[in-house]
Amino acid sequence: MKHRVFFGLMLVVVGVVSCRQADVRTAAIHVPGMKNQACANLIIKALATQQGVYPTQVVVRLEAQTIEVRFDSLTKSLKNLEYCVADAGFDANDIPGKPEAKNALPPDCR
């Protein structure tokens, strides 16, 4: 009888945990090349293309050269977002920006 109760409880716990639909997190990405709002807008535009990112909840801190991003970690990881910023031509944390994308940036963002 004790085993049945225990296994019943375990099934309930597993069922509740496995029904998780989203794991929303906030992460800061250091972007040393983000010098003005125009640069920030390019980064936000790139991040907005990523599934699981909440582009309306991106916080830009120009003086600190960081962007805070809210995202669903069940859909994307922080590393995916860093590579997205790097693909737009900006260094992101320890990921260098793509050279060809850097060259295509407006002069004040290079």
N, C-alpha and C. Protein backbone atom coordinates (compact mmCIF):
# COMPACT_ATOMS: atom_id res chain seq x y z
N MET A 1 0.81 -1.19 0.00
CA MET A 1 0.00 0.00 0.00
C MET A 1 0.86 1.26 0.00
N LYS A 2 1.94 1.26 0.80
CA LYS A 2 2.82 2.41 0.86
C LYS A 2 3.47 2.66 -0.51
N HIS A 3 3.80 1.58 -1.20
CA HIS A 3 4.43 1.72 -2.51
C HIS A 3 3.47 2.36 -3.51
N ARG A 4 2.22 2.00 -3.45
CA ARG A 4 1.23 2.57 -4.37
C ARG A 4 1.07 4.07 -4.14
N VAL A 5 1.01 4.48 -2.88
CA VAL A 5 0.89 5.91 -2.55
C VAL A 5 2.14 6.66 -3.03
N PHE A 6 3.30 6.08 -2.75
CA PHE A 6 4.56 6.70 -3.17
C PHE A 6 4.62 6.86 -4.69
N PHE A 7 4.32 5.81 -5.42
CA PHE A 7 4.36 5.88 -6.88
C PHE A 7 3.28 6.82 -7.43
N GLY A 8 2.15 6.87 -6.76
CA GLY A 8 1.10 7.81 -7.17
C GLY A 8 1.57 9.25 -7.02
N LEU A 9 2.20 9.53 -5.89
CA LEU A 9 2.75 10.89 -5.68
C LEU A 9 3.84 11.20 -6.70
N MET A 10 4.69 10.24 -6.98
CA MET A 10 5.76 10.45 -7.96
C MET A 10 5.19 10.75 -9.34
N LEU A 11 4.13 10.08 -9.73
CA LEU A 11 3.49 10.35 -11.02
C LEU A 11 2.94 11.76 -11.07
N VAL A 12 2.33 12.20 -9.99
CA VAL A 12 1.80 13.56 -9.94
C VAL A 12 2.93 14.58 -10.05
N VAL A 13 4.01 14.37 -9.32
CA VAL A 13 5.16 15.29 -9.36
C VAL A 13 5.76 15.33 -10.75
N VAL A 14 5.98 14.20 -11.35
CA VAL A 14 6.55 14.14 -12.71
C VAL A 14 5.61 14.81 -13.70
N GLY A 15 4.33 14.61 -13.56
CA GLY A 15 3.36 15.24 -14.45
C GLY A 15 3.37 16.75 -14.35
N VAL A 16 3.46 17.27 -13.14
CA VAL A 16 3.48 18.72 -12.94
C VAL A 16 4.76 19.32 -13.49
N VAL A 17 5.89 18.70 -13.21
CA VAL A 17 7.17 19.22 -13.67
C VAL A 17 7.29 19.15 -15.19
N SER A 18 6.80 18.12 -15.81
CA SER A 18 6.95 17.96 -17.25
C SER A 18 6.02 18.86 -18.06
N CYS A 19 5.07 19.50 -17.41
CA CYS A 19 4.13 20.38 -18.11
C CYS A 19 4.63 21.80 -18.22
N ARG A 20 5.85 22.05 -17.82
CA ARG A 20 6.39 23.41 -17.86
C ARG A 20 6.43 23.88 -19.30
N GLN A 21 5.84 25.04 -19.56
CA GLN A 21 5.73 25.57 -20.92
C GLN A 21 6.84 26.55 -21.25
N ALA A 22 7.35 27.28 -20.24
CA ALA A 22 8.36 28.29 -20.50
C ALA A 22 9.22 28.47 -19.26
N ASP A 23 10.43 28.91 -19.48
CA ASP A 23 11.36 29.25 -18.40
C ASP A 23 11.96 30.60 -18.78
N VAL A 24 11.28 31.67 -18.43
CA VAL A 24 11.69 33.01 -18.83
C VAL A 24 12.80 33.49 -17.92
N ARG A 25 13.88 33.94 -18.54
CA ARG A 25 15.05 34.43 -17.81
C ARG A 25 15.46 35.78 -18.36
N THR A 26 16.26 36.47 -17.59
CA THR A 26 16.84 37.74 -18.03
C THR A 26 18.35 37.59 -17.95
N ALA A 27 19.04 38.01 -19.00
CA ALA A 27 20.50 37.94 -19.03
C ALA A 27 21.05 39.24 -19.60
N ALA A 28 22.20 39.62 -19.10
CA ALA A 28 22.88 40.81 -19.61
C ALA A 28 23.97 40.38 -20.58
N ILE A 29 24.02 41.07 -21.70
CA ILE A 29 25.06 40.83 -22.71
C ILE A 29 25.89 42.10 -22.82
N HIS A 30 27.19 41.98 -22.59
CA HIS A 30 28.09 43.13 -22.72
C HIS A 30 28.42 43.32 -24.19
N VAL A 31 28.14 44.51 -24.70
CA VAL A 31 28.36 44.82 -26.12
C VAL A 31 29.24 46.07 -26.18
N PRO A 32 30.57 45.91 -26.19
CA PRO A 32 31.44 47.08 -26.14
C PRO A 32 31.33 48.00 -27.36
N GLY A 33 30.85 47.52 -28.48
CA GLY A 33 30.71 48.35 -29.67
C GLY A 33 29.42 49.14 -29.73
N MET A 34 28.56 49.00 -28.73
CA MET A 34 27.28 49.71 -28.73
C MET A 34 27.52 51.11 -28.18
N LYS A 35 27.63 52.07 -29.10
CA LYS A 35 28.02 53.42 -28.73
C LYS A 35 26.86 54.40 -28.65
N ASN A 36 25.75 54.07 -29.32
CA ASN A 36 24.61 55.00 -29.33
C ASN A 36 23.32 54.21 -29.55
N GLN A 37 22.21 54.93 -29.59
CA GLN A 37 20.91 54.28 -29.72
C GLN A 37 20.75 53.61 -31.09
N ALA A 38 21.39 54.14 -32.12
CA ALA A 38 21.31 53.52 -33.45
C ALA A 38 21.94 52.12 -33.42
N CYS A 39 23.07 51.98 -32.73
CA CYS A 39 23.70 50.67 -32.59
C CYS A 39 22.80 49.73 -31.79
N ALA A 40 22.23 50.27 -30.71
CA ALA A 40 21.33 49.46 -29.87
C ALA A 40 20.14 48.98 -30.68
N ASN A 41 19.60 49.84 -31.54
CA ASN A 41 18.45 49.44 -32.35
C ASN A 41 18.80 48.30 -33.31
N LEU A 42 20.01 48.31 -33.85
CA LEU A 42 20.44 47.22 -34.73
C LEU A 42 20.51 45.90 -33.95
N ILE A 43 20.99 45.97 -32.72
CA ILE A 43 21.08 44.76 -31.90
C ILE A 43 19.69 44.26 -31.53
N ILE A 44 18.82 45.17 -31.13
CA ILE A 44 17.45 44.79 -30.78
C ILE A 44 16.74 44.17 -31.97
N LYS A 45 16.96 44.73 -33.14
CA LYS A 45 16.34 44.20 -34.36
C LYS A 45 16.84 42.76 -34.62
N ALA A 46 18.12 42.54 -34.42
CA ALA A 46 18.67 41.19 -34.61
C ALA A 46 18.09 40.22 -33.58
N LEU A 47 18.01 40.64 -32.33
CA LEU A 47 17.48 39.77 -31.28
C LEU A 47 15.99 39.47 -31.48
N ALA A 48 15.27 40.43 -32.05
CA ALA A 48 13.82 40.27 -32.26
C ALA A 48 13.51 39.15 -33.24
N THR A 49 14.49 38.77 -34.06
CA THR A 49 14.26 37.69 -35.02
C THR A 49 14.34 36.31 -34.37
N GLN A 50 14.82 36.27 -33.13
CA GLN A 50 15.03 35.00 -32.44
C GLN A 50 13.77 34.55 -31.72
N GLN A 51 13.38 33.31 -31.96
CA GLN A 51 12.23 32.74 -31.27
C GLN A 51 12.55 32.64 -29.78
N GLY A 52 11.59 33.03 -28.95
CA GLY A 52 11.77 32.95 -27.51
C GLY A 52 12.26 34.22 -26.86
N VAL A 53 12.61 35.23 -27.67
CA VAL A 53 13.07 36.52 -27.14
C VAL A 53 11.88 37.46 -27.05
N TYR A 54 11.83 38.22 -25.97
CA TYR A 54 10.78 39.23 -25.78
C TYR A 54 11.36 40.59 -26.13
N PRO A 55 11.30 40.99 -27.41
CA PRO A 55 11.98 42.23 -27.84
C PRO A 55 11.44 43.50 -27.19
N THR A 56 10.20 43.49 -26.76
CA THR A 56 9.66 44.69 -26.12
C THR A 56 10.18 44.85 -24.69
N GLN A 57 10.84 43.82 -24.18
CA GLN A 57 11.36 43.88 -22.81
C GLN A 57 12.89 43.92 -22.77
N VAL A 58 13.52 44.31 -23.88
CA VAL A 58 14.96 44.47 -23.92
C VAL A 58 15.30 45.82 -23.29
N VAL A 59 16.26 45.82 -22.38
CA VAL A 59 16.68 47.05 -21.71
C VAL A 59 18.09 47.40 -22.17
N VAL A 60 18.24 48.60 -22.71
CA VAL A 60 19.53 49.07 -23.21
C VAL A 60 20.16 49.96 -22.16
N ARG A 61 21.41 49.70 -21.85
CA ARG A 61 22.18 50.55 -20.93
C ARG A 61 23.43 51.01 -21.69
N LEU A 62 23.28 52.16 -22.38
CA LEU A 62 24.36 52.66 -23.22
C LEU A 62 25.63 52.94 -22.43
N GLU A 63 25.48 53.57 -21.25
CA GLU A 63 26.67 53.92 -20.46
C GLU A 63 27.44 52.70 -20.01
N ALA A 64 26.76 51.60 -19.75
CA ALA A 64 27.42 50.36 -19.34
C ALA A 64 27.72 49.45 -20.54
N GLN A 65 27.21 49.82 -21.70
CA GLN A 65 27.36 49.04 -22.93
C GLN A 65 26.85 47.60 -22.73
N THR A 66 25.67 47.51 -22.14
CA THR A 66 25.03 46.21 -21.97
C THR A 66 23.59 46.24 -22.45
N ILE A 67 23.12 45.08 -22.80
CA ILE A 67 21.72 44.89 -23.17
C ILE A 67 21.19 43.77 -22.29
N GLU A 68 20.09 44.03 -21.62
CA GLU A 68 19.42 43.00 -20.83
C GLU A 68 18.29 42.42 -21.67
N VAL A 69 18.30 41.12 -21.83
CA VAL A 69 17.36 40.43 -22.70
C VAL A 69 16.52 39.46 -21.88
N ARG A 70 15.20 39.50 -22.07
CA ARG A 70 14.30 38.48 -21.48
C ARG A 70 14.04 37.45 -22.57
N PHE A 71 14.22 36.20 -22.21
CA PHE A 71 14.06 35.13 -23.20
C PHE A 71 13.59 33.86 -22.53
N ASP A 72 13.02 32.98 -23.32
CA ASP A 72 12.58 31.67 -22.86
C ASP A 72 13.74 30.71 -23.02
N SER A 73 14.30 30.26 -21.89
CA SER A 73 15.48 29.40 -21.97
C SER A 73 15.15 27.98 -22.44
N LEU A 74 13.87 27.65 -22.56
CA LEU A 74 13.50 26.36 -23.15
C LEU A 74 13.56 26.42 -24.68
N THR A 75 13.61 27.65 -25.22
CA THR A 75 13.66 27.86 -26.67
C THR A 75 15.05 28.27 -27.13
N LYS A 76 15.68 29.17 -26.39
CA LYS A 76 17.01 29.69 -26.74
C LYS A 76 17.89 29.70 -25.50
N SER A 77 19.19 29.63 -25.73
CA SER A 77 20.14 29.76 -24.62
C SER A 77 20.83 31.12 -24.74
N LEU A 78 21.49 31.53 -23.68
CA LEU A 78 22.23 32.79 -23.71
C LEU A 78 23.29 32.75 -24.81
N LYS A 79 23.93 31.63 -24.99
CA LYS A 79 24.97 31.51 -26.03
C LYS A 79 24.37 31.75 -27.42
N ASN A 80 23.14 31.27 -27.67
CA ASN A 80 22.47 31.53 -28.95
C ASN A 80 22.30 33.03 -29.16
N LEU A 81 21.92 33.73 -28.10
CA LEU A 81 21.69 35.17 -28.20
C LEU A 81 23.01 35.92 -28.42
N GLU A 82 24.06 35.46 -27.77
CA GLU A 82 25.38 36.08 -27.98
C GLU A 82 25.81 35.92 -29.44
N TYR A 83 25.61 34.75 -30.00
CA TYR A 83 25.97 34.53 -31.40
C TYR A 83 25.08 35.37 -32.34
N CYS A 84 23.85 35.58 -31.96
CA CYS A 84 22.96 36.43 -32.76
C CYS A 84 23.49 37.86 -32.81
N VAL A 85 23.93 38.38 -31.67
CA VAL A 85 24.51 39.73 -31.61
C VAL A 85 25.82 39.76 -32.42
N ALA A 86 26.63 38.71 -32.31
CA ALA A 86 27.88 38.63 -33.06
C ALA A 86 27.62 38.57 -34.56
N ASP A 87 26.56 37.87 -34.97
CA ASP A 87 26.19 37.82 -36.39
C ASP A 87 25.77 39.19 -36.91
N ALA A 88 25.30 40.05 -36.01
CA ALA A 88 24.93 41.42 -36.40
C ALA A 88 26.15 42.33 -36.49
N GLY A 89 27.33 41.83 -36.08
CA GLY A 89 28.57 42.59 -36.22
C GLY A 89 29.14 43.14 -34.93
N PHE A 90 28.52 42.85 -33.81
CA PHE A 90 28.98 43.39 -32.52
C PHE A 90 29.59 42.29 -31.67
N ASP A 91 30.63 42.63 -30.91
CA ASP A 91 31.15 41.68 -29.93
C ASP A 91 30.09 41.51 -28.85
N ALA A 92 29.94 40.29 -28.37
CA ALA A 92 28.94 39.99 -27.35
C ALA A 92 29.56 39.10 -26.29
N ASN A 93 29.78 39.67 -25.10
CA ASN A 93 30.50 38.97 -24.04
C ASN A 93 31.83 38.49 -24.59
N ASP A 94 32.10 37.21 -24.66
CA ASP A 94 33.38 36.72 -25.17
C ASP A 94 33.32 36.26 -26.63
N ILE A 95 32.20 36.54 -27.31
CA ILE A 95 32.05 36.13 -28.71
C ILE A 95 32.37 37.33 -29.61
N PRO A 96 33.37 37.21 -30.48
CA PRO A 96 33.69 38.34 -31.37
C PRO A 96 32.65 38.49 -32.48
N GLY A 97 32.41 39.72 -32.88
CA GLY A 97 31.48 39.98 -33.97
C GLY A 97 32.03 39.47 -35.29
N LYS A 98 31.13 39.09 -36.19
CA LYS A 98 31.56 38.62 -37.51
C LYS A 98 32.19 39.79 -38.27
N PRO A 99 33.39 39.59 -38.83
CA PRO A 99 34.08 40.69 -39.51
C PRO A 99 33.27 41.28 -40.68
N GLU A 100 32.64 40.43 -41.49
CA GLU A 100 31.89 40.95 -42.63
C GLU A 100 30.68 41.76 -42.17
N ALA A 101 30.07 41.36 -41.06
CA ALA A 101 28.94 42.12 -40.52
C ALA A 101 29.42 43.43 -39.89
N LYS A 102 30.59 43.40 -39.26
CA LYS A 102 31.17 44.63 -38.68
C LYS A 102 31.41 45.66 -39.78
N ASN A 103 31.94 45.19 -40.88
CA ASN A 103 32.23 46.11 -41.99
C ASN A 103 30.98 46.72 -42.58
N ALA A 104 29.84 46.05 -42.45
CA ALA A 104 28.58 46.55 -42.99
C ALA A 104 27.87 47.50 -42.03
N LEU A 105 28.36 47.61 -40.80
CA LEU A 105 27.73 48.49 -39.82
C LEU A 105 27.92 49.96 -40.19
N PRO A 106 27.03 50.83 -39.73
CA PRO A 106 27.26 52.27 -39.91
C PRO A 106 28.58 52.67 -39.26
N PRO A 107 29.26 53.68 -39.78
CA PRO A 107 30.58 54.05 -39.25
C PRO A 107 30.61 54.32 -37.74
N ASP A 108 29.57 54.90 -37.19
CA ASP A 108 29.60 55.20 -35.76
C ASP A 108 29.39 53.97 -34.88
N CYS A 109 29.12 52.81 -35.47
CA CYS A 109 28.95 51.57 -34.70
C CYS A 109 30.12 50.62 -34.86
N ARG A 110 31.09 50.97 -35.67
CA ARG A 110 32.25 50.07 -35.88
C ARG A 110 33.25 50.17 -34.79
